[in-house]
Amino acid sequence: MWLLAVLIALAVWAVVIYNGLIQLRVRGDGAWSDINVQLKRRYDLIPNLVETVKGYAAHEQQVFIQVTEARSRAMQAAGPKDKEAAEGMLTGALKSLFAVAEQYPQLRANENFMGLQQSLTQIEEAVQSARRYYNAVVRDYNTKLSVLPDRLVAQLGGFTPKEFFQLDAAEEAKAPKVAFS
């Protein structure tokens, strides 16, 4: 009789751990989706920025091509590691675009450009917030996969660790400055 009670308790325990792992995995997938939504907003804004700068600095074709290619790579990247590399390239290209814009005082005073700049700043903050949340969920999920007794259930359930989404520290240091003063 007590053996049956122990088996039932073990089964309930395994189900509770399994469900906890499923919840964290789903939260991680949702958080990754949130990052992609914010990045899409960023990608949608970039052509408007390029066109606005192009109106003032049409001879800077190489910068426009660089930004467009980096945007395209970033949009096609899948998974945290690929996104990290692509976003680093896009950040560098945007830095170049803003360096060009800095050379044109009339562009910096343009209301449309200033509005686009402000939108980009807000989107960058939303991306960072979504990234921090995603990484926190991934940390919790990966920790549960590593500690006993959850590790046993995770192995039986086929759970695998998730990748963090982090920008290279060097790229974070080179983030585009979007505030002109």
Protein backbone atom coordinates (compact mmCIF):
# COMPACT_ATOMS: atom_id res chain seq x y z
CA MET A 1 0.00 0.00 0.00
CA TRP A 2 2.73 2.44 0.93
CA LEU A 3 4.60 1.45 -2.25
CA LEU A 4 1.60 2.53 -4.31
CA ALA A 5 1.48 5.85 -2.44
CA VAL A 6 5.19 6.42 -3.11
CA LEU A 7 4.73 5.63 -6.81
CA ILE A 8 1.77 8.02 -7.04
CA ALA A 9 3.77 10.73 -5.22
CA LEU A 10 6.69 10.23 -7.64
CA ALA A 11 4.36 10.43 -10.63
CA VAL A 12 2.76 13.64 -9.33
CA TRP A 13 6.21 15.07 -8.61
CA ALA A 14 7.39 14.26 -12.17
CA VAL A 15 4.25 15.83 -13.69
CA VAL A 16 4.72 19.01 -11.64
CA ILE A 17 8.36 19.32 -12.76
CA TYR A 18 7.44 18.53 -16.38
CA ASN A 19 4.69 21.15 -16.39
CA GLY A 20 7.07 23.72 -14.90
CA LEU A 21 9.57 23.05 -17.66
CA ILE A 22 6.85 23.35 -20.30
CA GLN A 23 5.73 26.68 -18.82
CA LEU A 24 9.26 28.08 -18.91
CA ARG A 25 9.81 26.85 -22.47
CA VAL A 26 6.57 28.49 -23.62
CA ARG A 27 7.47 31.73 -21.80
CA GLY A 28 10.86 31.64 -23.55
CA ASP A 29 9.23 31.16 -26.94
CA GLY A 30 6.86 34.03 -26.20
CA ALA A 31 9.71 36.27 -25.09
CA TRP A 32 11.64 35.46 -28.28
CA SER A 33 8.54 36.37 -30.27
CA ASP A 34 8.41 39.71 -28.43
CA ILE A 35 12.02 40.40 -29.43
CA ASN A 36 11.17 39.63 -33.05
CA VAL A 37 8.19 42.01 -32.96
CA GLN A 38 10.41 44.84 -31.73
CA LEU A 39 13.12 44.02 -34.25
CA LYS A 40 10.54 44.05 -37.05
CA ARG A 41 9.47 47.53 -35.94
CA ARG A 42 13.13 48.53 -36.15
CA TYR A 43 13.54 46.98 -39.60
CA ASP A 44 10.41 48.77 -40.83
CA LEU A 45 11.75 52.13 -39.62
CA ILE A 46 15.18 51.83 -41.24
CA PRO A 47 14.10 52.42 -44.89
CA ASN A 48 12.44 55.68 -43.81
CA LEU A 49 15.64 56.77 -42.08
CA VAL A 50 17.71 55.91 -45.15
CA GLU A 51 15.36 57.80 -47.47
CA THR A 52 15.35 60.85 -45.23
CA VAL A 53 19.15 60.96 -45.04
CA LYS A 54 19.37 60.23 -48.78
CA GLY A 55 17.41 63.40 -49.46
CA TYR A 56 20.23 65.43 -47.90
CA ALA A 57 23.26 63.28 -48.64
CA ALA A 58 22.55 61.47 -51.90
CA HIS A 59 26.26 61.00 -52.61
CA GLU A 60 26.71 58.66 -49.60
CA GLN A 61 25.59 55.59 -51.57
CA GLN A 62 28.00 53.16 -49.87
CA VAL A 63 26.48 53.88 -46.45
CA PHE A 64 22.94 53.38 -47.79
CA ILE A 65 23.90 50.09 -49.42
CA GLN A 66 25.60 48.95 -46.20
CA VAL A 67 22.53 49.74 -44.09
CA THR A 68 20.18 48.05 -46.58
CA GLU A 69 22.30 44.89 -46.75
CA ALA A 70 22.68 44.72 -42.96
CA ARG A 71 18.92 45.17 -42.55
CA SER A 72 18.27 42.36 -45.03
CA ARG A 73 20.68 40.00 -43.21
CA ALA A 74 19.12 40.84 -39.86
CA MET A 75 15.62 40.18 -41.17
CA GLN A 76 16.67 36.76 -42.48
CA ALA A 77 18.57 35.69 -39.37
CA ALA A 78 16.97 33.00 -37.25
CA GLY A 79 17.76 32.07 -33.68
CA PRO A 80 19.65 34.02 -31.06
CA LYS A 81 23.20 33.39 -32.33
CA ASP A 82 22.43 34.38 -35.93
CA LYS A 83 20.43 37.39 -34.74
CA GLU A 84 23.33 38.51 -32.53
CA ALA A 85 25.73 38.62 -35.46
CA ALA A 86 23.25 40.24 -37.82
CA GLU A 87 22.17 42.84 -35.27
CA GLY A 88 25.81 43.71 -34.61
CA MET A 89 26.31 44.40 -38.31
CA LEU A 90 23.10 46.45 -38.46
CA THR A 91 24.12 48.48 -35.43
CA GLY A 92 27.44 49.30 -37.07
CA ALA A 93 25.71 50.29 -40.31
CA LEU A 94 23.27 52.52 -38.44
CA LYS A 95 26.21 54.14 -36.67
CA SER A 96 27.64 55.02 -40.09
CA LEU A 97 24.28 56.38 -41.22
CA PHE A 98 24.03 58.64 -38.19
CA ALA A 99 27.63 59.76 -38.68
CA VAL A 100 26.63 60.91 -42.18
CA ALA A 101 23.53 62.62 -40.82
CA GLU A 102 25.65 64.47 -38.28
CA GLN A 103 27.42 66.25 -41.14
CA TYR A 104 24.19 67.92 -42.28
CA PRO A 105 22.76 70.46 -39.78
CA GLN A 106 19.65 71.01 -41.92
CA LEU A 107 18.94 67.25 -41.73
CA ARG A 108 19.33 67.21 -37.97
CA ALA A 109 16.77 70.01 -37.80
CA ASN A 110 14.29 68.18 -40.06
CA GLU A 111 11.14 67.26 -38.08
CA ASN A 112 10.65 64.02 -39.97
CA PHE A 113 14.21 62.92 -39.25
CA MET A 114 13.92 63.90 -35.60
CA GLY A 115 10.67 61.91 -35.31
CA LEU A 116 12.30 58.88 -36.90
CA GLN A 117 15.24 59.24 -34.54
CA GLN A 118 12.94 59.36 -31.54
CA SER A 119 11.05 56.30 -32.77
CA LEU A 120 14.31 54.40 -33.22
CA THR A 121 15.37 55.30 -29.69
CA GLN A 122 12.07 54.02 -28.30
CA ILE A 123 12.32 50.82 -30.33
CA GLU A 124 15.92 50.25 -29.17
CA GLU A 125 14.76 50.57 -25.56
CA ALA A 126 11.91 48.12 -26.20
CA VAL A 127 14.35 45.65 -27.79
CA GLN A 128 16.65 45.88 -24.77
CA SER A 129 13.73 45.36 -22.39
CA ALA A 130 12.47 42.35 -24.37
CA ARG A 131 16.00 40.96 -24.54
CA ARG A 132 16.46 41.26 -20.77
CA TYR A 133 13.15 39.46 -20.15
CA TYR A 134 13.97 36.72 -22.68
CA ASN A 135 17.42 36.17 -21.16
CA ALA A 136 15.90 35.98 -17.65
CA VAL A 137 13.44 33.32 -18.78
CA VAL A 138 16.21 31.40 -20.58
CA ARG A 139 18.38 31.60 -17.46
CA ASP A 140 15.56 30.16 -15.31
CA TYR A 141 14.76 27.48 -17.89
CA ASN A 142 18.39 26.43 -18.36
CA THR A 143 18.92 26.38 -14.59
CA LYS A 144 15.95 24.03 -14.15
CA LEU A 145 17.41 21.77 -16.83
CA SER A 146 20.68 21.60 -14.91
CA VAL A 147 19.63 20.99 -11.32
CA LEU A 148 18.52 17.77 -9.73
CA PRO A 149 15.87 16.41 -9.61
CA ASP A 150 14.49 18.54 -12.50
CA ARG A 151 17.37 17.41 -14.71
CA LEU A 152 16.13 13.81 -14.64
CA VAL A 153 12.65 14.79 -15.83
CA ALA A 154 14.14 17.17 -18.43
CA GLN A 155 16.30 14.41 -19.89
CA LEU A 156 13.36 12.01 -20.04
CA GLY A 157 11.19 14.72 -21.62
CA GLY A 158 13.78 15.65 -24.24
CA PHE A 159 14.18 19.25 -23.08
CA THR A 160 17.21 21.07 -24.46
CA PRO A 161 18.82 24.33 -23.31
CA LYS A 162 17.97 27.60 -25.04
CA GLU A 163 20.51 30.14 -26.26
CA PHE A 164 20.79 33.58 -24.71
CA PHE A 165 20.34 36.62 -26.94
CA GLN A 166 23.21 38.94 -26.18
CA LEU A 167 24.88 41.53 -28.28
CA ASP A 168 28.63 41.36 -28.38
CA ALA A 169 29.98 43.70 -25.71
CA ALA A 170 32.04 45.47 -28.36
CA GLU A 171 28.94 46.01 -30.48
CA GLU A 172 26.97 47.30 -27.50
CA ALA A 173 29.72 49.82 -26.93
CA LYS A 174 29.38 50.91 -30.57
CA ALA A 175 25.59 51.30 -30.43
CA PRO A 176 24.42 54.14 -32.65
CA LYS A 177 24.03 57.47 -30.96
CA VAL A 178 20.63 58.71 -32.00
CA ALA A 179 20.45 61.93 -30.01
CA PHE A 180 21.86 65.00 -31.71
CA SER A 181 22.44 68.04 -29.58
